[in-house]
Amino acid sequence: MAVETSCGLLAARLRATGRHVYTINPMAAARRRDRHAVTRKKSDHLDAMGLANILHTDKAAHRPLPNDSELTQAIAILCPRPTRRRL
């Protein structure tokens, strides 16, 4: 599975089910979107296809996230990362 960020419940749940989760730099996904999309408009479907294509073609350049210990999983769920406030 390819995701843009390793933080959050989605990545944690994917890793908990035993899947290999690879993080792809969001800027790499944006550059791929600029090269392969007709419009520069963001699309979840095209982003998902782009992440899958990046992982399919360059899997050797990426490594899967390591599994977290039980303590690390508990801390990550109980203490989520702070979000930025928009001014």
PDB file of N, CA and C in Angstrom:
ATOM      1  N   MET A   1       0.841  -1.162   0.000  1.00  0.00           N
ATOM      2  CA  MET A   1       0.000   0.000   0.000  1.00  0.00           C
ATOM      3  C   MET A   1       0.894   1.236   0.000  1.00  0.00           C
ATOM      4  N   ALA A   2       0.547   2.202  -0.781  1.00  0.00           N
ATOM      5  CA  ALA A   2       1.294   3.449  -0.838  1.00  0.00           C
ATOM      6  C   ALA A   2       0.430   4.570  -0.275  1.00  0.00           C
ATOM      7  N   VAL A   3       0.984   5.349   0.639  1.00  0.00           N
ATOM      8  CA  VAL A   3       0.294   6.493   1.227  1.00  0.00           C
ATOM      9  C   VAL A   3       1.240   7.689   1.205  1.00  0.00           C
ATOM     10  N   GLU A   4       0.664   8.884   1.290  1.00  0.00           N
ATOM     11  CA  GLU A   4       1.495  10.079   1.277  1.00  0.00           C
ATOM     12  C   GLU A   4       2.053  10.419   2.649  1.00  0.00           C
ATOM     13  N   THR A   5       1.428   9.957   3.709  1.00  0.00           N
ATOM     14  CA  THR A   5       1.900  10.260   5.059  1.00  0.00           C
ATOM     15  C   THR A   5       1.818   9.019   5.927  1.00  0.00           C
ATOM     16  N   SER A   6       2.770   8.884   6.807  1.00  0.00           N
ATOM     17  CA  SER A   6       2.795   7.715   7.688  1.00  0.00           C
ATOM     18  C   SER A   6       2.042   7.968   8.983  1.00  0.00           C
ATOM     19  N   CYS A   7       1.543   9.176   9.171  1.00  0.00           N
ATOM     20  CA  CYS A   7       0.824   9.517  10.400  1.00  0.00           C
ATOM     21  C   CYS A   7      -0.662   9.232  10.237  1.00  0.00           C
ATOM     22  N   GLY A   8      -1.311   9.010  11.344  1.00  0.00           N
ATOM     23  CA  GLY A   8      -2.755   8.863  11.328  1.00  0.00           C
ATOM     24  C   GLY A   8      -3.210   7.427  11.467  1.00  0.00           C
ATOM     25  N   LEU A   9      -4.507   7.287  11.623  1.00  0.00           N
ATOM     26  CA  LEU A   9      -5.101   5.980  11.869  1.00  0.00           C
ATOM     27  C   LEU A   9      -5.065   5.071  10.642  1.00  0.00           C
ATOM     28  N   LEU A  10      -5.174   5.635   9.445  1.00  0.00           N
ATOM     29  CA  LEU A  10      -5.183   4.788   8.254  1.00  0.00           C
ATOM     30  C   LEU A  10      -3.887   4.001   8.122  1.00  0.00           C
ATOM     31  N   ALA A  11      -2.779   4.686   8.209  1.00  0.00           N
ATOM     32  CA  ALA A  11      -1.487   3.996   8.102  1.00  0.00           C
ATOM     33  C   ALA A  11      -1.306   3.012   9.254  1.00  0.00           C
ATOM     34  N   ALA A  12      -1.738   3.385  10.455  1.00  0.00           N
ATOM     35  CA  ALA A  12      -1.615   2.491  11.609  1.00  0.00           C
ATOM     36  C   ALA A  12      -2.456   1.238  11.437  1.00  0.00           C
ATOM     37  N   ARG A  13      -3.671   1.393  10.939  1.00  0.00           N
ATOM     38  CA  ARG A  13      -4.552   0.226  10.743  1.00  0.00           C
ATOM     39  C   ARG A  13      -4.039  -0.661   9.608  1.00  0.00           C
ATOM     40  N   LEU A  14      -3.509  -0.071   8.557  1.00  0.00           N
ATOM     41  CA  LEU A  14      -2.959  -0.878   7.470  1.00  0.00           C
ATOM     42  C   LEU A  14      -1.775  -1.705   7.954  1.00  0.00           C
ATOM     43  N   ARG A  15      -0.917  -1.076   8.767  1.00  0.00           N
ATOM     44  CA  ARG A  15       0.219  -1.823   9.301  1.00  0.00           C
ATOM     45  C   ARG A  15      -0.222  -2.884  10.286  1.00  0.00           C
ATOM     46  N   ALA A  16      -1.283  -2.614  11.051  1.00  0.00           N
ATOM     47  CA  ALA A  16      -1.770  -3.576  12.042  1.00  0.00           C
ATOM     48  C   ALA A  16      -2.327  -4.832  11.377  1.00  0.00           C
ATOM     49  N   THR A  17      -2.799  -4.706  10.133  1.00  0.00           N
ATOM     50  CA  THR A  17      -3.334  -5.868   9.423  1.00  0.00           C
ATOM     51  C   THR A  17      -2.252  -6.672   8.710  1.00  0.00           C
ATOM     52  N   GLY A  18      -1.001  -6.237   8.843  1.00  0.00           N
ATOM     53  CA  GLY A  18       0.096  -6.993   8.253  1.00  0.00           C
ATOM     54  C   GLY A  18       0.486  -6.571   6.856  1.00  0.00           C
ATOM     55  N   ARG A  19      -0.112  -5.518   6.345  1.00  0.00           N
ATOM     56  CA  ARG A  19       0.237  -5.047   5.002  1.00  0.00           C
ATOM     57  C   ARG A  19       1.531  -4.244   5.049  1.00  0.00           C
ATOM     58  N   HIS A  20       2.262  -4.275   3.967  1.00  0.00           N
ATOM     59  CA  HIS A  20       3.454  -3.438   3.834  1.00  0.00           C
ATOM     60  C   HIS A  20       2.983  -2.056   3.385  1.00  0.00           C
ATOM     61  N   VAL A  21       3.329  -1.048   4.144  1.00  0.00           N
ATOM     62  CA  VAL A  21       2.913   0.322   3.846  1.00  0.00           C
ATOM     63  C   VAL A  21       4.156   1.120   3.458  1.00  0.00           C
ATOM     64  N   TYR A  22       4.106   1.728   2.306  1.00  0.00           N
ATOM     65  CA  TYR A  22       5.191   2.556   1.802  1.00  0.00           C
ATOM     66  C   TYR A  22       4.726   4.004   1.802  1.00  0.00           C
ATOM     67  N   THR A  23       5.567   4.908   2.294  1.00  0.00           N
ATOM     68  CA  THR A  23       5.218   6.328   2.232  1.00  0.00           C
ATOM     69  C   THR A  23       5.898   6.947   1.022  1.00  0.00           C
ATOM     70  N   ILE A  24       5.133   7.726   0.311  1.00  0.00           N
ATOM     71  CA  ILE A  24       5.617   8.427  -0.870  1.00  0.00           C
ATOM     72  C   ILE A  24       5.601   9.911  -0.537  1.00  0.00           C
ATOM     73  N   ASN A  25       6.668  10.599  -0.855  1.00  0.00           N
ATOM     74  CA  ASN A  25       6.759  12.027  -0.604  1.00  0.00           C
ATOM     75  C   ASN A  25       5.620  12.741  -1.336  1.00  0.00           C
ATOM     76  N   PRO A  26       4.861  13.592  -0.623  1.00  0.00           N
ATOM     77  CA  PRO A  26       3.760  14.305  -1.278  1.00  0.00           C
ATOM     78  C   PRO A  26       4.202  15.161  -2.464  1.00  0.00           C
ATOM     79  N   MET A  27       5.419  15.687  -2.408  1.00  0.00           N
ATOM     80  CA  MET A  27       5.904  16.473  -3.548  1.00  0.00           C
ATOM     81  C   MET A  27       6.147  15.587  -4.764  1.00  0.00           C
ATOM     82  N   ALA A  28       6.577  14.355  -4.556  1.00  0.00           N
ATOM     83  CA  ALA A  28       6.759  13.429  -5.678  1.00  0.00           C
ATOM     84  C   ALA A  28       5.417  13.117  -6.313  1.00  0.00           C
ATOM     85  N   ALA A  29       4.389  12.954  -5.488  1.00  0.00           N
ATOM     86  CA  ALA A  29       3.050  12.703  -6.022  1.00  0.00           C
ATOM     87  C   ALA A  29       2.537  13.915  -6.792  1.00  0.00           C
ATOM     88  N   ALA A  30       2.817  15.111  -6.289  1.00  0.00           N
ATOM     89  CA  ALA A  30       2.387  16.325  -6.986  1.00  0.00           C
ATOM     90  C   ALA A  30       3.121  16.491  -8.313  1.00  0.00           C
ATOM     91  N   ARG A  31       4.421  16.196  -8.335  1.00  0.00           N
ATOM     92  CA  ARG A  31       5.166  16.291  -9.596  1.00  0.00           C
ATOM     93  C   ARG A  31       4.646  15.289 -10.620  1.00  0.00           C
ATOM     94  N   ARG A  32       4.305  14.081 -10.158  1.00  0.00           N
ATOM     95  CA  ARG A  32       3.760  13.075 -11.060  1.00  0.00           C
ATOM     96  C   ARG A  32       2.419  13.541 -11.617  1.00  0.00           C
ATOM     97  N   ARG A  33       1.590  14.157 -10.761  1.00  0.00           N
ATOM     98  CA  ARG A  33       0.292  14.670 -11.194  1.00  0.00           C
ATOM     99  C   ARG A  33       0.481  15.746 -12.253  1.00  0.00           C
ATOM    100  N   ASP A  34       1.478  16.620 -12.060  1.00  0.00           N
ATOM    101  CA  ASP A  34       1.736  17.680 -13.035  1.00  0.00           C
ATOM    102  C   ASP A  34       2.177  17.119 -14.384  1.00  0.00           C
ATOM    103  N   ARG A  35       2.944  16.035 -14.366  1.00  0.00           N
ATOM    104  CA  ARG A  35       3.436  15.448 -15.619  1.00  0.00           C
ATOM    105  C   ARG A  35       2.372  14.655 -16.359  1.00  0.00           C
ATOM    106  N   HIS A  36       1.463  13.999 -15.628  1.00  0.00           N
ATOM    107  CA  HIS A  36       0.571  13.047 -16.282  1.00  0.00           C
ATOM    108  C   HIS A  36      -0.883  13.478 -16.362  1.00  0.00           C
ATOM    109  N   ALA A  37      -1.257  14.547 -15.725  1.00  0.00           N
ATOM    110  CA  ALA A  37      -2.655  14.987 -15.758  1.00  0.00           C
ATOM    111  C   ALA A  37      -2.822  16.116 -16.766  1.00  0.00           C
ATOM    112  N   VAL A  38      -3.980  16.141 -17.385  1.00  0.00           N
ATOM    113  CA  VAL A  38      -4.272  17.196 -18.342  1.00  0.00           C
ATOM    114  C   VAL A  38      -4.505  18.506 -17.594  1.00  0.00           C
ATOM    115  N   THR A  39      -5.250  18.420 -16.487  1.00  0.00           N
ATOM    116  CA  THR A  39      -5.467  19.600 -15.658  1.00  0.00           C
ATOM    117  C   THR A  39      -4.638  19.467 -14.393  1.00  0.00           C
ATOM    118  N   ARG A  40      -4.402  20.565 -13.735  1.00  0.00           N
ATOM    119  CA  ARG A  40      -3.632  20.531 -12.486  1.00  0.00           C
ATOM    120  C   ARG A  40      -4.555  20.343 -11.287  1.00  0.00           C
ATOM    121  N   LYS A  41      -5.823  20.072 -11.558  1.00  0.00           N
ATOM    122  CA  LYS A  41      -6.795  19.904 -10.494  1.00  0.00           C
ATOM    123  C   LYS A  41      -6.527  18.618  -9.719  1.00  0.00           C
ATOM    124  N   LYS A  42      -6.646  18.695  -8.396  1.00  0.00           N
ATOM    125  CA  LYS A  42      -6.409  17.535  -7.546  1.00  0.00           C
ATOM    126  C   LYS A  42      -7.596  16.587  -7.642  1.00  0.00           C
ATOM    127  N   SER A  43      -7.300  15.304  -7.778  1.00  0.00           N
ATOM    128  CA  SER A  43      -8.330  14.279  -7.862  1.00  0.00           C
ATOM    129  C   SER A  43      -7.887  13.093  -7.006  1.00  0.00           C
ATOM    130  N   ASP A  44      -8.745  12.650  -6.092  1.00  0.00           N
ATOM    131  CA  ASP A  44      -8.391  11.527  -5.236  1.00  0.00           C
ATOM    132  C   ASP A  44      -8.148  10.262  -6.051  1.00  0.00           C
ATOM    133  N   HIS A  45      -8.959  10.048  -7.072  1.00  0.00           N
ATOM    134  CA  HIS A  45      -8.807   8.859  -7.908  1.00  0.00           C
ATOM    135  C   HIS A  45      -7.472   8.876  -8.645  1.00  0.00           C
ATOM    136  N   LEU A  46      -7.130  10.004  -9.244  1.00  0.00           N
ATOM    137  CA  LEU A  46      -5.865  10.099  -9.968  1.00  0.00           C
ATOM    138  C   LEU A  46      -4.673  10.048  -9.012  1.00  0.00           C
ATOM    139  N   ASP A  47      -4.821  10.630  -7.813  1.00  0.00           N
ATOM    140  CA  ASP A  47      -3.745  10.557  -6.825  1.00  0.00           C
ATOM    141  C   ASP A  47      -3.500   9.119  -6.395  1.00  0.00           C
ATOM    142  N   ALA A  48      -4.566   8.360  -6.174  1.00  0.00           N
ATOM    143  CA  ALA A  48      -4.417   6.954  -5.782  1.00  0.00           C
ATOM    144  C   ALA A  48      -3.746   6.155  -6.893  1.00  0.00           C
ATOM    145  N   MET A  49      -4.142   6.403  -8.128  1.00  0.00           N
ATOM    146  CA  MET A  49      -3.504   5.718  -9.251  1.00  0.00           C
ATOM    147  C   MET A  49      -2.041   6.127  -9.379  1.00  0.00           C
ATOM    148  N   GLY A  50      -1.756   7.394  -9.128  1.00  0.00           N
ATOM    149  CA  GLY A  50      -0.377   7.871  -9.200  1.00  0.00           C
ATOM    150  C   GLY A  50       0.502   7.238  -8.131  1.00  0.00           C
ATOM    151  N   LEU A  51       0.001   7.144  -6.907  1.00  0.00           N
ATOM    152  CA  LEU A  51       0.773   6.500  -5.841  1.00  0.00           C
ATOM    153  C   LEU A  51       1.035   5.036  -6.165  1.00  0.00           C
ATOM    154  N   ALA A  52       0.011   4.363  -6.677  1.00  0.00           N
ATOM    155  CA  ALA A  52       0.181   2.954  -7.053  1.00  0.00           C
ATOM    156  C   ALA A  52       1.207   2.812  -8.171  1.00  0.00           C
ATOM    157  N   ASN A  53       1.190   3.720  -9.121  1.00  0.00           N
ATOM    158  CA  ASN A  53       2.136   3.663 -10.238  1.00  0.00           C
ATOM    159  C   ASN A  53       3.559   3.947  -9.770  1.00  0.00           C
ATOM    160  N   ILE A  54       3.717   4.917  -8.863  1.00  0.00           N
ATOM    161  CA  ILE A  54       5.043   5.216  -8.325  1.00  0.00           C
ATOM    162  C   ILE A  54       5.598   3.986  -7.625  1.00  0.00           C
ATOM    163  N   LEU A  55       4.773   3.349  -6.814  1.00  0.00           N
ATOM    164  CA  LEU A  55       5.224   2.162  -6.092  1.00  0.00           C
ATOM    165  C   LEU A  55       5.494   1.000  -7.043  1.00  0.00           C
ATOM    166  N   HIS A  56       4.676   0.872  -8.070  1.00  0.00           N
ATOM    167  CA  HIS A  56       4.850  -0.224  -9.026  1.00  0.00           C
ATOM    168  C   HIS A  56       6.149  -0.076  -9.817  1.00  0.00           C
ATOM    169  N   THR A  57       6.465   1.142 -10.230  1.00  0.00           N
ATOM    170  CA  THR A  57       7.633   1.328 -11.083  1.00  0.00           C
ATOM    171  C   THR A  57       8.930   1.502 -10.298  1.00  0.00           C
ATOM    172  N   ASP A  58       8.858   2.064  -9.084  1.00  0.00           N
ATOM    173  CA  ASP A  58      10.067   2.358  -8.316  1.00  0.00           C
ATOM    174  C   ASP A  58      10.048   1.718  -6.935  1.00  0.00           C
ATOM    175  N   LYS A  59       9.555   0.507  -6.823  1.00  0.00           N
ATOM    176  CA  LYS A  59       9.450  -0.143  -5.515  1.00  0.00           C
ATOM    177  C   LYS A  59      10.817  -0.311  -4.852  1.00  0.00           C
ATOM    178  N   ALA A  60      11.845  -0.525  -5.630  1.00  0.00           N
ATOM    179  CA  ALA A  60      13.188  -0.715  -5.074  1.00  0.00           C
ATOM    180  C   ALA A  60      13.721   0.562  -4.429  1.00  0.00           C
ATOM    181  N   ALA A  61      13.192   1.716  -4.837  1.00  0.00           N
ATOM    182  CA  ALA A  61      13.650   2.985  -4.285  1.00  0.00           C
ATOM    183  C   ALA A  61      12.960   3.336  -2.968  1.00  0.00           C
ATOM    184  N   HIS A  62      11.945   2.585  -2.600  1.00  0.00           N
ATOM    185  CA  HIS A  62      11.192   2.863  -1.383  1.00  0.00           C
ATOM    186  C   HIS A  62      11.284   1.666  -0.448  1.00  0.00           C
ATOM    187  N   ARG A  63      11.120   1.926   0.832  1.00  0.00           N
ATOM    188  CA  ARG A  63      11.132   0.831   1.794  1.00  0.00           C
ATOM    189  C   ARG A  63       9.872   0.904   2.636  1.00  0.00           C
ATOM    190  N   PRO A  64       9.379  -0.246   3.075  1.00  0.00           N
ATOM    191  CA  PRO A  64       8.148  -0.229   3.863  1.00  0.00           C
ATOM    192  C   PRO A  64       8.398   0.332   5.260  1.00  0.00           C
ATOM    193  N   LEU A  65       7.345   0.862   5.847  1.00  0.00           N
ATOM    194  CA  LEU A  65       7.438   1.356   7.216  1.00  0.00           C
ATOM    195  C   LEU A  65       7.649   0.190   8.164  1.00  0.00           C
ATOM    196  N   PRO A  66       8.471   0.361   9.167  1.00  0.00           N
ATOM    197  CA  PRO A  66       8.648  -0.722  10.151  1.00  0.00           C
ATOM    198  C   PRO A  66       7.412  -0.825  11.035  1.00  0.00           C
ATOM    199  N   ASN A  67       7.199  -1.997  11.607  1.00  0.00           N
ATOM    200  CA  ASN A  67       6.077  -2.184  12.513  1.00  0.00           C
ATOM    201  C   ASN A  67       6.354  -1.469  13.825  1.00  0.00           C
ATOM    202  N   ASP A  68       5.323  -0.876  14.393  1.00  0.00           N
ATOM    203  CA  ASP A  68       5.443  -0.192  15.675  1.00  0.00           C
ATOM    204  C   ASP A  68       5.237  -1.178  16.815  1.00  0.00           C
ATOM    205  N   SER A  69       5.851  -0.889  17.931  1.00  0.00           N
ATOM    206  CA  SER A  69       5.613  -1.691  19.124  1.00  0.00           C
ATOM    207  C   SER A  69       4.221  -1.350  19.666  1.00  0.00           C
ATOM    208  N   GLU A  70       3.717  -2.154  20.571  1.00  0.00           N
ATOM    209  CA  GLU A  70       2.398  -1.892  21.146  1.00  0.00           C
ATOM    210  C   GLU A  70       2.370  -0.565  21.889  1.00  0.00           C
ATOM    211  N   LEU A  71       3.452  -0.251  22.590  1.00  0.00           N
ATOM    212  CA  LEU A  71       3.519   1.015  23.320  1.00  0.00           C
ATOM    213  C   LEU A  71       3.478   2.200  22.358  1.00  0.00           C
ATOM    214  N   THR A  72       4.201   2.112  21.268  1.00  0.00           N
ATOM    215  CA  THR A  72       4.207   3.186  20.283  1.00  0.00           C
ATOM    216  C   THR A  72       2.835   3.365  19.656  1.00  0.00           C
ATOM    217  N   GLN A  73       2.142   2.282  19.370  1.00  0.00           N
ATOM    218  CA  GLN A  73       0.792   2.365  18.814  1.00  0.00           C
ATOM    219  C   GLN A  73      -0.160   3.042  19.789  1.00  0.00           C
ATOM    220  N   ALA A  74      -0.064   2.690  21.070  1.00  0.00           N
ATOM    221  CA  ALA A  74      -0.944   3.292  22.075  1.00  0.00           C
ATOM    222  C   ALA A  74      -0.681   4.783  22.207  1.00  0.00           C
ATOM    223  N   ILE A  75       0.582   5.177  22.198  1.00  0.00           N
ATOM    224  CA  ILE A  75       0.917   6.598  22.319  1.00  0.00           C
ATOM    225  C   ILE A  75       0.440   7.368  21.095  1.00  0.00           C
ATOM    226  N   ALA A  76       0.600   6.800  19.921  1.00  0.00           N
ATOM    227  CA  ALA A  76       0.189   7.481  18.690  1.00  0.00           C
ATOM    228  C   ALA A  76      -1.314   7.706  18.648  1.00  0.00           C
ATOM    229  N   ILE A  77      -2.084   6.780  19.170  1.00  0.00           N
ATOM    230  CA  ILE A  77      -3.540   6.930  19.162  1.00  0.00           C
ATOM    231  C   ILE A  77      -3.987   7.915  20.237  1.00  0.00           C
ATOM    232  N   LEU A  78      -3.360   7.842  21.406  1.00  0.00           N
ATOM    233  CA  LEU A  78      -3.766   8.709  22.510  1.00  0.00           C
ATOM    234  C   LEU A  78      -3.276  10.144  22.353  1.00  0.00           C
ATOM    235  N   CYS A  79      -2.178  10.339  21.676  1.00  0.00           N
ATOM    236  CA  CYS A  79      -1.590  11.673  21.534  1.00  0.00           C
ATOM    237  C   CYS A  79      -1.405  12.000  20.056  1.00  0.00           C
ATOM    238  N   PRO A  80      -2.478  12.358  19.363  1.00  0.00           N
ATOM    239  CA  PRO A  80      -2.332  12.666  17.945  1.00  0.00           C
ATOM    240  C   PRO A  80      -1.488  13.917  17.733  1.00  0.00           C
ATOM    241  N   ARG A  81      -0.910  14.007  16.553  1.00  0.00           N
ATOM    242  CA  ARG A  81      -0.087  15.170  16.238  1.00  0.00           C
ATOM    243  C   ARG A  81      -0.964  16.406  16.168  1.00  0.00           C
ATOM    244  N   PRO A  82      -0.460  17.547  16.653  1.00  0.00           N
ATOM    245  CA  PRO A  82      -1.272  18.775  16.602  1.00  0.00           C
ATOM    246  C   PRO A  82      -1.445  19.230  15.160  1.00  0.00           C
ATOM    247  N   THR A  83      -2.590  19.802  14.880  1.00  0.00           N
ATOM    248  CA  THR A  83      -2.859  20.323  13.544  1.00  0.00           C
ATOM    249  C   THR A  83      -2.523  21.804  13.519  1.00  0.00           C
ATOM    250  N   ARG A  84      -2.211  22.278  12.357  1.00  0.00           N
ATOM    251  CA  ARG A  84      -1.892  23.698  12.212  1.00  0.00           C
ATOM    252  C   ARG A  84      -3.178  24.491  12.131  1.00  0.00           C
ATOM    253  N   ARG A  85      -3.146  25.653  12.729  1.00  0.00           N
ATOM    254  CA  ARG A  85      -4.272  26.563  12.630  1.00  0.00           C
ATOM    255  C   ARG A  85      -4.049  27.504  11.471  1.00  0.00           C
ATOM    256  N   ARG A  86      -5.106  27.732  10.749  1.00  0.00           N
ATOM    257  CA  ARG A  86      -5.019  28.712   9.664  1.00  0.00           C
ATOM    258  C   ARG A  86      -5.414  30.074  10.202  1.00  0.00           C
ATOM    259  N   LEU A  87      -4.635  31.074   9.858  1.00  0.00           N
ATOM    260  CA  LEU A  87      -4.916  32.431  10.335  1.00  0.00           C
ATOM    261  C   LEU A  87      -5.704  33.195   9.336  1.00  0.00           C
TER     262      LEU A  87
END
